[in-house]
Amino acid sequence: MRIDSAQYINRLNARDYDMIVVTLPKNGNPIISPGRELYNLYGSQSATEVGSSNAMVLRNPAVDTLIDGLVSANTRNDMVTYARALDRVLQWGYYMIPNYYSKGTPLVFANRFGMPAVAPIYDVGLETWWQISPTPLTNAQAAALAGKTTAAKEH
């Protein structure tokens, strides 16, 4: 069955589906710890909230208890313990089927922008780019303007 985008959004909001493909936010930086966003992803209260990220409509008191413990943990060791327990409960429930993992951010852009030598840690940093030419450049032209001998860098 094919549906248009408006009907798809309505079905998402009404939780009227058997299975969907969603992208969960990822945190590629091990310094940042999980926190209150887990309520929106897995908490029982968010299961029926329109616009929440709890697409699996998960209502599990054990998950709620583990999220509460993780968020209110006083030590890093306690937080890790709760996070590992939450991970096990979520895996045990078979709520999700992992689809793929992308280490980077897929991005296509015209080769006419300058970029800082050091990119932001948590973002592509589009707001840090600047225009070096009103029209797209060849890789050689862009490299020459940037004072480099290589083509555009990957993100």
N, C-alpha and C. Protein backbone atom coordinates (compact mmCIF):
# COMPACT_ATOMS: atom_id res chain seq x y z
N MET A 1 0.84 -1.17 0.00
CA MET A 1 0.00 0.00 0.00
C MET A 1 0.89 1.24 0.00
N ARG A 2 0.56 2.18 -0.83
CA ARG A 2 1.29 3.46 -0.88
C ARG A 2 0.39 4.55 -0.33
N ILE A 3 0.99 5.45 0.43
CA ILE A 3 0.25 6.58 0.98
C ILE A 3 1.04 7.85 0.73
N ASP A 4 0.33 8.98 0.70
CA ASP A 4 1.03 10.25 0.49
C ASP A 4 1.62 10.74 1.82
N SER A 5 2.43 11.77 1.74
CA SER A 5 3.15 12.23 2.93
C SER A 5 2.22 12.75 4.02
N ALA A 6 1.11 13.40 3.65
CA ALA A 6 0.17 13.91 4.66
C ALA A 6 -0.46 12.75 5.43
N GLN A 7 -0.85 11.71 4.71
CA GLN A 7 -1.45 10.55 5.36
C GLN A 7 -0.41 9.84 6.25
N TYR A 8 0.83 9.80 5.78
CA TYR A 8 1.90 9.19 6.57
C TYR A 8 2.08 9.93 7.90
N ILE A 9 2.13 11.26 7.84
CA ILE A 9 2.27 12.05 9.06
C ILE A 9 1.08 11.82 9.99
N ASN A 10 -0.12 11.79 9.43
CA ASN A 10 -1.31 11.54 10.25
C ASN A 10 -1.23 10.18 10.92
N ARG A 11 -0.76 9.18 10.18
CA ARG A 11 -0.63 7.84 10.77
C ARG A 11 0.46 7.80 11.84
N LEU A 12 1.55 8.52 11.61
CA LEU A 12 2.59 8.60 12.64
C LEU A 12 2.03 9.20 13.92
N ASN A 13 1.32 10.31 13.79
CA ASN A 13 0.77 11.00 14.96
C ASN A 13 -0.27 10.16 15.68
N ALA A 14 -1.05 9.37 14.92
CA ALA A 14 -2.08 8.52 15.51
C ALA A 14 -1.52 7.16 15.94
N ARG A 15 -0.24 6.94 15.67
CA ARG A 15 0.42 5.66 15.95
C ARG A 15 -0.30 4.52 15.23
N ASP A 16 -0.72 4.77 14.00
CA ASP A 16 -1.47 3.81 13.19
C ASP A 16 -0.52 3.15 12.19
N TYR A 17 0.30 2.23 12.68
CA TYR A 17 1.24 1.52 11.82
C TYR A 17 1.68 0.24 12.53
N ASP A 18 2.15 -0.70 11.73
CA ASP A 18 2.71 -1.93 12.28
C ASP A 18 4.21 -1.82 12.44
N MET A 19 4.85 -1.17 11.46
CA MET A 19 6.30 -1.01 11.49
C MET A 19 6.66 0.21 10.66
N ILE A 20 7.64 0.97 11.12
CA ILE A 20 8.13 2.12 10.38
C ILE A 20 9.65 2.16 10.49
N VAL A 21 10.26 2.94 9.63
CA VAL A 21 11.70 3.17 9.71
C VAL A 21 11.89 4.56 10.29
N VAL A 22 12.61 4.64 11.40
CA VAL A 22 12.90 5.92 12.03
C VAL A 22 14.40 6.02 12.29
N THR A 23 14.86 7.22 12.41
CA THR A 23 16.25 7.46 12.76
C THR A 23 16.29 7.93 14.21
N LEU A 24 16.99 7.20 15.02
CA LEU A 24 17.16 7.61 16.41
C LEU A 24 18.34 8.55 16.50
N PRO A 25 18.23 9.55 17.34
CA PRO A 25 19.38 10.45 17.48
C PRO A 25 20.57 9.67 18.00
N LYS A 26 21.71 9.98 17.45
CA LYS A 26 22.92 9.30 17.91
C LYS A 26 23.85 10.31 18.55
N ASN A 27 24.61 9.81 19.45
CA ASN A 27 25.59 10.65 20.11
C ASN A 27 26.94 10.03 19.86
N GLY A 28 27.68 10.59 18.93
CA GLY A 28 28.97 10.04 18.58
C GLY A 28 30.09 10.44 19.52
N ASN A 29 29.78 11.28 20.49
CA ASN A 29 30.81 11.75 21.40
C ASN A 29 30.66 11.03 22.74
N PRO A 30 31.65 10.22 23.13
CA PRO A 30 31.53 9.47 24.38
C PRO A 30 31.56 10.33 25.64
N ILE A 31 31.87 11.61 25.50
CA ILE A 31 31.91 12.49 26.67
C ILE A 31 30.50 12.87 27.11
N ILE A 32 29.58 12.98 26.15
CA ILE A 32 28.21 13.37 26.48
C ILE A 32 27.44 12.14 26.94
N SER A 33 26.80 12.24 28.09
CA SER A 33 26.07 11.12 28.67
C SER A 33 24.59 11.20 28.32
N PRO A 34 23.91 10.06 28.28
CA PRO A 34 22.46 10.09 28.04
C PRO A 34 21.77 10.77 29.21
N GLY A 35 20.60 11.33 28.93
CA GLY A 35 19.89 12.06 29.97
C GLY A 35 18.40 12.11 29.73
N ARG A 36 17.82 13.28 29.93
CA ARG A 36 16.37 13.46 29.89
C ARG A 36 15.74 13.13 28.54
N GLU A 37 16.52 13.15 27.47
CA GLU A 37 15.97 12.80 26.16
C GLU A 37 15.44 11.37 26.13
N LEU A 38 15.89 10.53 27.04
CA LEU A 38 15.42 9.14 27.10
C LEU A 38 13.94 9.06 27.44
N TYR A 39 13.41 10.03 28.19
CA TYR A 39 11.97 10.06 28.47
C TYR A 39 11.19 10.18 27.16
N ASN A 40 11.64 11.03 26.25
CA ASN A 40 10.95 11.23 24.98
C ASN A 40 11.11 10.01 24.07
N LEU A 41 12.24 9.34 24.13
CA LEU A 41 12.49 8.18 23.27
C LEU A 41 11.79 6.92 23.77
N TYR A 42 11.82 6.67 25.08
CA TYR A 42 11.38 5.39 25.61
C TYR A 42 10.41 5.47 26.78
N GLY A 43 10.12 6.64 27.30
CA GLY A 43 9.26 6.77 28.48
C GLY A 43 7.80 6.50 28.19
N SER A 44 7.11 5.92 29.17
CA SER A 44 5.68 5.59 29.01
C SER A 44 4.83 6.81 28.73
N GLN A 45 5.13 7.94 29.39
CA GLN A 45 4.32 9.14 29.20
C GLN A 45 4.36 9.63 27.76
N SER A 46 5.49 9.46 27.09
CA SER A 46 5.61 9.95 25.71
C SER A 46 4.99 9.01 24.68
N ALA A 47 4.52 7.84 25.12
CA ALA A 47 3.99 6.85 24.17
C ALA A 47 2.80 7.38 23.37
N THR A 48 1.98 8.22 23.98
CA THR A 48 0.80 8.72 23.29
C THR A 48 0.89 10.20 22.95
N GLU A 49 2.01 10.83 23.25
CA GLU A 49 2.17 12.25 22.94
C GLU A 49 2.47 12.45 21.46
N VAL A 50 1.66 13.27 20.80
CA VAL A 50 1.88 13.58 19.39
C VAL A 50 3.23 14.28 19.26
N GLY A 51 4.04 13.80 18.34
CA GLY A 51 5.33 14.42 18.10
C GLY A 51 6.47 13.87 18.93
N SER A 52 6.17 12.95 19.85
CA SER A 52 7.26 12.38 20.64
C SER A 52 8.06 11.41 19.77
N SER A 53 9.22 11.06 20.25
CA SER A 53 10.08 10.13 19.51
C SER A 53 9.86 8.68 19.93
N ASN A 54 8.87 8.43 20.76
CA ASN A 54 8.56 7.07 21.20
C ASN A 54 7.70 6.39 20.15
N ALA A 55 8.29 6.15 18.98
CA ALA A 55 7.55 5.59 17.84
C ALA A 55 7.10 4.17 18.09
N MET A 56 7.77 3.45 18.98
CA MET A 56 7.37 2.07 19.27
C MET A 56 6.24 2.00 20.28
N VAL A 57 5.78 3.16 20.76
CA VAL A 57 4.69 3.27 21.73
C VAL A 57 5.01 2.41 22.95
N LEU A 58 6.22 2.52 23.41
CA LEU A 58 6.71 1.71 24.53
C LEU A 58 6.16 2.23 25.84
N ARG A 59 5.51 1.33 26.58
CA ARG A 59 5.02 1.62 27.93
C ARG A 59 5.52 0.48 28.81
N ASN A 60 6.60 0.73 29.51
CA ASN A 60 7.20 -0.32 30.31
C ASN A 60 7.68 0.30 31.63
N PRO A 61 7.06 -0.09 32.75
CA PRO A 61 7.45 0.49 34.04
C PRO A 61 8.93 0.26 34.38
N ALA A 62 9.48 -0.86 33.96
CA ALA A 62 10.90 -1.13 34.21
C ALA A 62 11.77 -0.11 33.48
N VAL A 63 11.41 0.20 32.24
CA VAL A 63 12.16 1.19 31.46
C VAL A 63 12.05 2.56 32.13
N ASP A 64 10.84 2.92 32.58
CA ASP A 64 10.65 4.21 33.26
C ASP A 64 11.52 4.30 34.52
N THR A 65 11.56 3.22 35.29
CA THR A 65 12.36 3.20 36.51
C THR A 65 13.85 3.35 36.20
N LEU A 66 14.31 2.67 35.16
CA LEU A 66 15.73 2.77 34.79
C LEU A 66 16.08 4.16 34.28
N ILE A 67 15.18 4.77 33.52
CA ILE A 67 15.43 6.15 33.05
C ILE A 67 15.49 7.10 34.24
N ASP A 68 14.55 6.95 35.17
CA ASP A 68 14.56 7.79 36.38
C ASP A 68 15.88 7.64 37.13
N GLY A 69 16.34 6.41 37.27
CA GLY A 69 17.60 6.17 37.97
C GLY A 69 18.78 6.76 37.25
N LEU A 70 18.80 6.63 35.93
CA LEU A 70 19.90 7.16 35.13
C LEU A 70 19.96 8.68 35.23
N VAL A 71 18.81 9.31 35.08
CA VAL A 71 18.77 10.78 35.09
C VAL A 71 19.12 11.34 36.47
N SER A 72 18.76 10.63 37.53
CA SER A 72 19.02 11.14 38.88
C SER A 72 20.29 10.55 39.51
N ALA A 73 21.07 9.81 38.75
CA ALA A 73 22.30 9.20 39.30
C ALA A 73 23.25 10.29 39.79
N ASN A 74 23.86 10.03 40.93
CA ASN A 74 24.78 10.99 41.53
C ASN A 74 26.23 10.76 41.13
N THR A 75 26.53 9.58 40.63
CA THR A 75 27.91 9.29 40.23
C THR A 75 27.94 8.75 38.80
N ARG A 76 29.06 8.89 38.18
CA ARG A 76 29.23 8.36 36.82
C ARG A 76 29.04 6.84 36.81
N ASN A 77 29.54 6.17 37.83
CA ASN A 77 29.42 4.72 37.91
C ASN A 77 27.96 4.29 37.98
N ASP A 78 27.15 5.00 38.79
CA ASP A 78 25.72 4.70 38.87
C ASP A 78 25.04 4.94 37.53
N MET A 79 25.40 6.03 36.86
CA MET A 79 24.81 6.35 35.56
C MET A 79 25.11 5.24 34.55
N VAL A 80 26.34 4.79 34.52
CA VAL A 80 26.73 3.71 33.60
C VAL A 80 25.97 2.43 33.93
N THR A 81 25.81 2.13 35.20
CA THR A 81 25.07 0.94 35.61
C THR A 81 23.63 1.00 35.12
N TYR A 82 22.97 2.14 35.33
CA TYR A 82 21.59 2.30 34.85
C TYR A 82 21.52 2.25 33.32
N ALA A 83 22.47 2.87 32.65
CA ALA A 83 22.47 2.88 31.18
C ALA A 83 22.63 1.46 30.64
N ARG A 84 23.50 0.69 31.23
CA ARG A 84 23.69 -0.70 30.78
C ARG A 84 22.44 -1.54 31.04
N ALA A 85 21.81 -1.33 32.20
CA ALA A 85 20.58 -2.06 32.50
C ALA A 85 19.47 -1.67 31.52
N LEU A 86 19.36 -0.39 31.23
CA LEU A 86 18.36 0.08 30.26
C LEU A 86 18.62 -0.53 28.89
N ASP A 87 19.86 -0.56 28.49
CA ASP A 87 20.23 -1.17 27.21
C ASP A 87 19.79 -2.63 27.15
N ARG A 88 20.01 -3.37 28.23
CA ARG A 88 19.63 -4.79 28.26
C ARG A 88 18.12 -4.96 28.18
N VAL A 89 17.39 -4.14 28.91
CA VAL A 89 15.92 -4.25 28.89
C VAL A 89 15.38 -3.92 27.50
N LEU A 90 15.92 -2.88 26.86
CA LEU A 90 15.45 -2.52 25.52
C LEU A 90 15.80 -3.61 24.51
N GLN A 91 16.98 -4.20 24.63
CA GLN A 91 17.35 -5.28 23.71
C GLN A 91 16.50 -6.52 23.96
N TRP A 92 16.24 -6.82 25.21
CA TRP A 92 15.46 -8.00 25.56
C TRP A 92 14.04 -7.91 24.99
N GLY A 93 13.50 -6.70 24.92
CA GLY A 93 12.13 -6.52 24.44
C GLY A 93 11.97 -6.60 22.94
N TYR A 94 13.06 -6.61 22.19
CA TYR A 94 13.00 -6.66 20.72
C TYR A 94 12.08 -5.59 20.15
N TYR A 95 12.22 -4.37 20.63
CA TYR A 95 11.37 -3.27 20.18
C TYR A 95 11.83 -2.69 18.85
N MET A 96 13.09 -2.86 18.54
CA MET A 96 13.66 -2.26 17.33
C MET A 96 14.48 -3.28 16.56
N ILE A 97 14.55 -3.07 15.26
CA ILE A 97 15.43 -3.85 14.40
C ILE A 97 16.48 -2.88 13.88
N PRO A 98 17.72 -3.04 14.28
CA PRO A 98 18.75 -2.12 13.78
C PRO A 98 18.83 -2.20 12.25
N ASN A 99 18.89 -1.05 11.63
CA ASN A 99 18.88 -0.99 10.17
C ASN A 99 20.27 -0.72 9.62
N TYR A 100 20.87 0.34 10.06
CA TYR A 100 22.22 0.67 9.61
C TYR A 100 22.81 1.71 10.55
N TYR A 101 24.10 1.92 10.39
CA TYR A 101 24.79 2.94 11.17
C TYR A 101 25.69 3.71 10.23
N SER A 102 25.65 4.99 10.32
CA SER A 102 26.51 5.84 9.50
C SER A 102 27.42 6.62 10.43
N LYS A 103 28.72 6.48 10.23
CA LYS A 103 29.68 7.18 11.08
C LYS A 103 29.67 8.68 10.83
N GLY A 104 29.38 9.08 9.61
CA GLY A 104 29.40 10.50 9.26
C GLY A 104 28.01 11.01 8.91
N THR A 105 27.96 12.23 8.46
CA THR A 105 26.73 12.85 8.03
C THR A 105 26.75 12.95 6.51
N PRO A 106 25.80 12.29 5.83
CA PRO A 106 25.79 12.40 4.37
C PRO A 106 25.44 13.83 3.97
N LEU A 107 26.27 14.42 3.14
CA LEU A 107 26.11 15.83 2.81
C LEU A 107 26.60 16.08 1.40
N VAL A 108 25.78 16.74 0.61
CA VAL A 108 26.15 17.12 -0.74
C VAL A 108 26.06 18.64 -0.82
N PHE A 109 27.09 19.27 -1.38
CA PHE A 109 27.08 20.72 -1.49
C PHE A 109 27.88 21.15 -2.71
N ALA A 110 27.55 22.33 -3.20
CA ALA A 110 28.30 22.89 -4.33
C ALA A 110 29.70 23.27 -3.85
N ASN A 111 30.68 23.01 -4.66
CA ASN A 111 32.06 23.25 -4.28
C ASN A 111 32.39 24.74 -4.45
N ARG A 112 31.79 25.56 -3.60
CA ARG A 112 32.03 27.00 -3.66
C ARG A 112 32.07 27.63 -2.28
N PHE A 113 32.24 26.79 -1.27
CA PHE A 113 32.24 27.27 0.10
C PHE A 113 33.59 27.04 0.77
N GLY A 114 33.96 27.98 1.63
CA GLY A 114 35.12 27.79 2.48
C GLY A 114 34.67 27.22 3.80
N MET A 115 35.51 26.40 4.41
CA MET A 115 35.18 25.77 5.69
C MET A 115 36.36 25.93 6.63
N PRO A 116 36.08 26.06 7.92
CA PRO A 116 37.19 26.19 8.87
C PRO A 116 38.05 24.92 8.89
N ALA A 117 39.30 25.08 9.22
CA ALA A 117 40.21 23.93 9.27
C ALA A 117 39.79 22.92 10.33
N VAL A 118 39.20 23.42 11.42
CA VAL A 118 38.72 22.55 12.48
C VAL A 118 37.20 22.65 12.52
N ALA A 119 36.52 21.54 12.25
CA ALA A 119 35.06 21.52 12.23
C ALA A 119 34.52 21.40 13.65
N PRO A 120 33.28 21.85 13.90
CA PRO A 120 32.67 21.68 15.22
C PRO A 120 32.56 20.20 15.57
N ILE A 121 32.61 19.89 16.84
CA ILE A 121 32.60 18.50 17.29
C ILE A 121 31.23 17.85 17.10
N TYR A 122 30.16 18.57 17.41
CA TYR A 122 28.83 17.97 17.46
C TYR A 122 27.95 18.27 16.26
N ASP A 123 28.50 18.84 15.21
CA ASP A 123 27.67 19.32 14.11
C ASP A 123 28.50 19.41 12.84
N VAL A 124 27.81 19.47 11.71
CA VAL A 124 28.49 19.71 10.43
C VAL A 124 29.04 21.12 10.42
N GLY A 125 28.34 22.04 11.06
CA GLY A 125 28.82 23.41 11.18
C GLY A 125 28.52 24.27 9.96
N LEU A 126 27.35 24.09 9.35
CA LEU A 126 27.00 24.88 8.17
C LEU A 126 27.10 26.38 8.42
N GLU A 127 26.79 26.80 9.63
CA GLU A 127 26.83 28.23 9.94
C GLU A 127 28.26 28.77 10.02
N THR A 128 29.25 27.89 9.95
CA THR A 128 30.65 28.34 9.98
C THR A 128 31.25 28.41 8.58
N TRP A 129 30.50 28.02 7.57
CA TRP A 129 30.99 28.05 6.19
C TRP A 129 30.85 29.46 5.63
N TRP A 130 31.60 29.77 4.59
CA TRP A 130 31.48 31.04 3.91
C TRP A 130 31.62 30.82 2.41
N GLN A 131 31.03 31.70 1.66
CA GLN A 131 31.06 31.58 0.20
C GLN A 131 32.39 32.12 -0.33
N ILE A 132 33.06 31.32 -1.15
CA ILE A 132 34.32 31.77 -1.76
C ILE A 132 34.16 32.07 -3.24
N SER A 133 33.01 31.66 -3.79
CA SER A 133 32.74 31.91 -5.20
C SER A 133 31.23 31.89 -5.42
N PRO A 134 30.70 32.78 -6.27
CA PRO A 134 29.26 32.76 -6.53
C PRO A 134 28.83 31.55 -7.36
N THR A 135 29.77 30.89 -8.01
CA THR A 135 29.47 29.70 -8.81
C THR A 135 30.34 28.54 -8.33
N PRO A 136 29.88 27.31 -8.54
CA PRO A 136 30.68 26.15 -8.13
C PRO A 136 32.06 26.14 -8.81
N LEU A 137 33.05 25.68 -8.06
CA LEU A 137 34.42 25.60 -8.55
C LEU A 137 34.80 24.15 -8.81
N THR A 138 35.83 23.97 -9.60
CA THR A 138 36.39 22.63 -9.73
C THR A 138 37.15 22.33 -8.45
N ASN A 139 37.44 21.07 -8.20
CA ASN A 139 38.20 20.72 -7.00
C ASN A 139 39.55 21.41 -6.98
N ALA A 140 40.19 21.51 -8.13
CA ALA A 140 41.51 22.15 -8.21
C ALA A 140 41.41 23.64 -7.86
N GLN A 141 40.36 24.33 -8.37
CA GLN A 141 40.18 25.74 -8.06
C GLN A 141 39.91 25.95 -6.56
N ALA A 142 39.06 25.10 -5.99
CA ALA A 142 38.74 25.22 -4.57
C ALA A 142 39.97 24.96 -3.71
N ALA A 143 40.76 23.96 -4.09
CA ALA A 143 41.98 23.65 -3.35
C ALA A 143 42.97 24.80 -3.43
N ALA A 144 43.07 25.42 -4.61
CA ALA A 144 44.00 26.55 -4.77
C ALA A 144 43.57 27.73 -3.91
N LEU A 145 42.27 28.01 -3.85
CA LEU A 145 41.77 29.11 -3.02
C LEU A 145 42.00 28.84 -1.54
N ALA A 146 41.91 27.59 -1.17
CA ALA A 146 42.09 27.24 0.24
C ALA A 146 43.56 27.04 0.59
N GLY A 147 44.42 27.12 -0.42
CA GLY A 147 45.85 26.92 -0.17
C GLY A 147 46.20 25.47 0.06
N LYS A 148 45.40 24.57 -0.52
CA LYS A 148 45.63 23.14 -0.33
C LYS A 148 45.89 22.50 -1.68
N THR A 149 46.37 21.28 -1.63
CA THR A 149 46.62 20.54 -2.87
C THR A 149 45.65 19.39 -3.04
N THR A 150 44.70 19.24 -2.13
CA THR A 150 43.75 18.13 -2.22
C THR A 150 42.36 18.66 -2.50
N ALA A 151 41.48 17.74 -2.85
CA ALA A 151 40.09 18.10 -3.17
C ALA A 151 39.31 18.38 -1.88
N ALA A 152 38.03 18.65 -2.04
CA ALA A 152 37.16 18.97 -0.90
C ALA A 152 37.21 17.86 0.14
N LYS A 153 37.13 18.24 1.40
CA LYS A 153 37.21 17.26 2.47
C LYS A 153 35.87 16.59 2.71
N GLU A 154 35.92 15.42 3.32
CA GLU A 154 34.71 14.69 3.66
C GLU A 154 34.27 15.08 5.06
N HIS A 155 32.96 14.97 5.30
CA HIS A 155 32.41 15.23 6.64
C HIS A 155 31.85 13.96 7.18
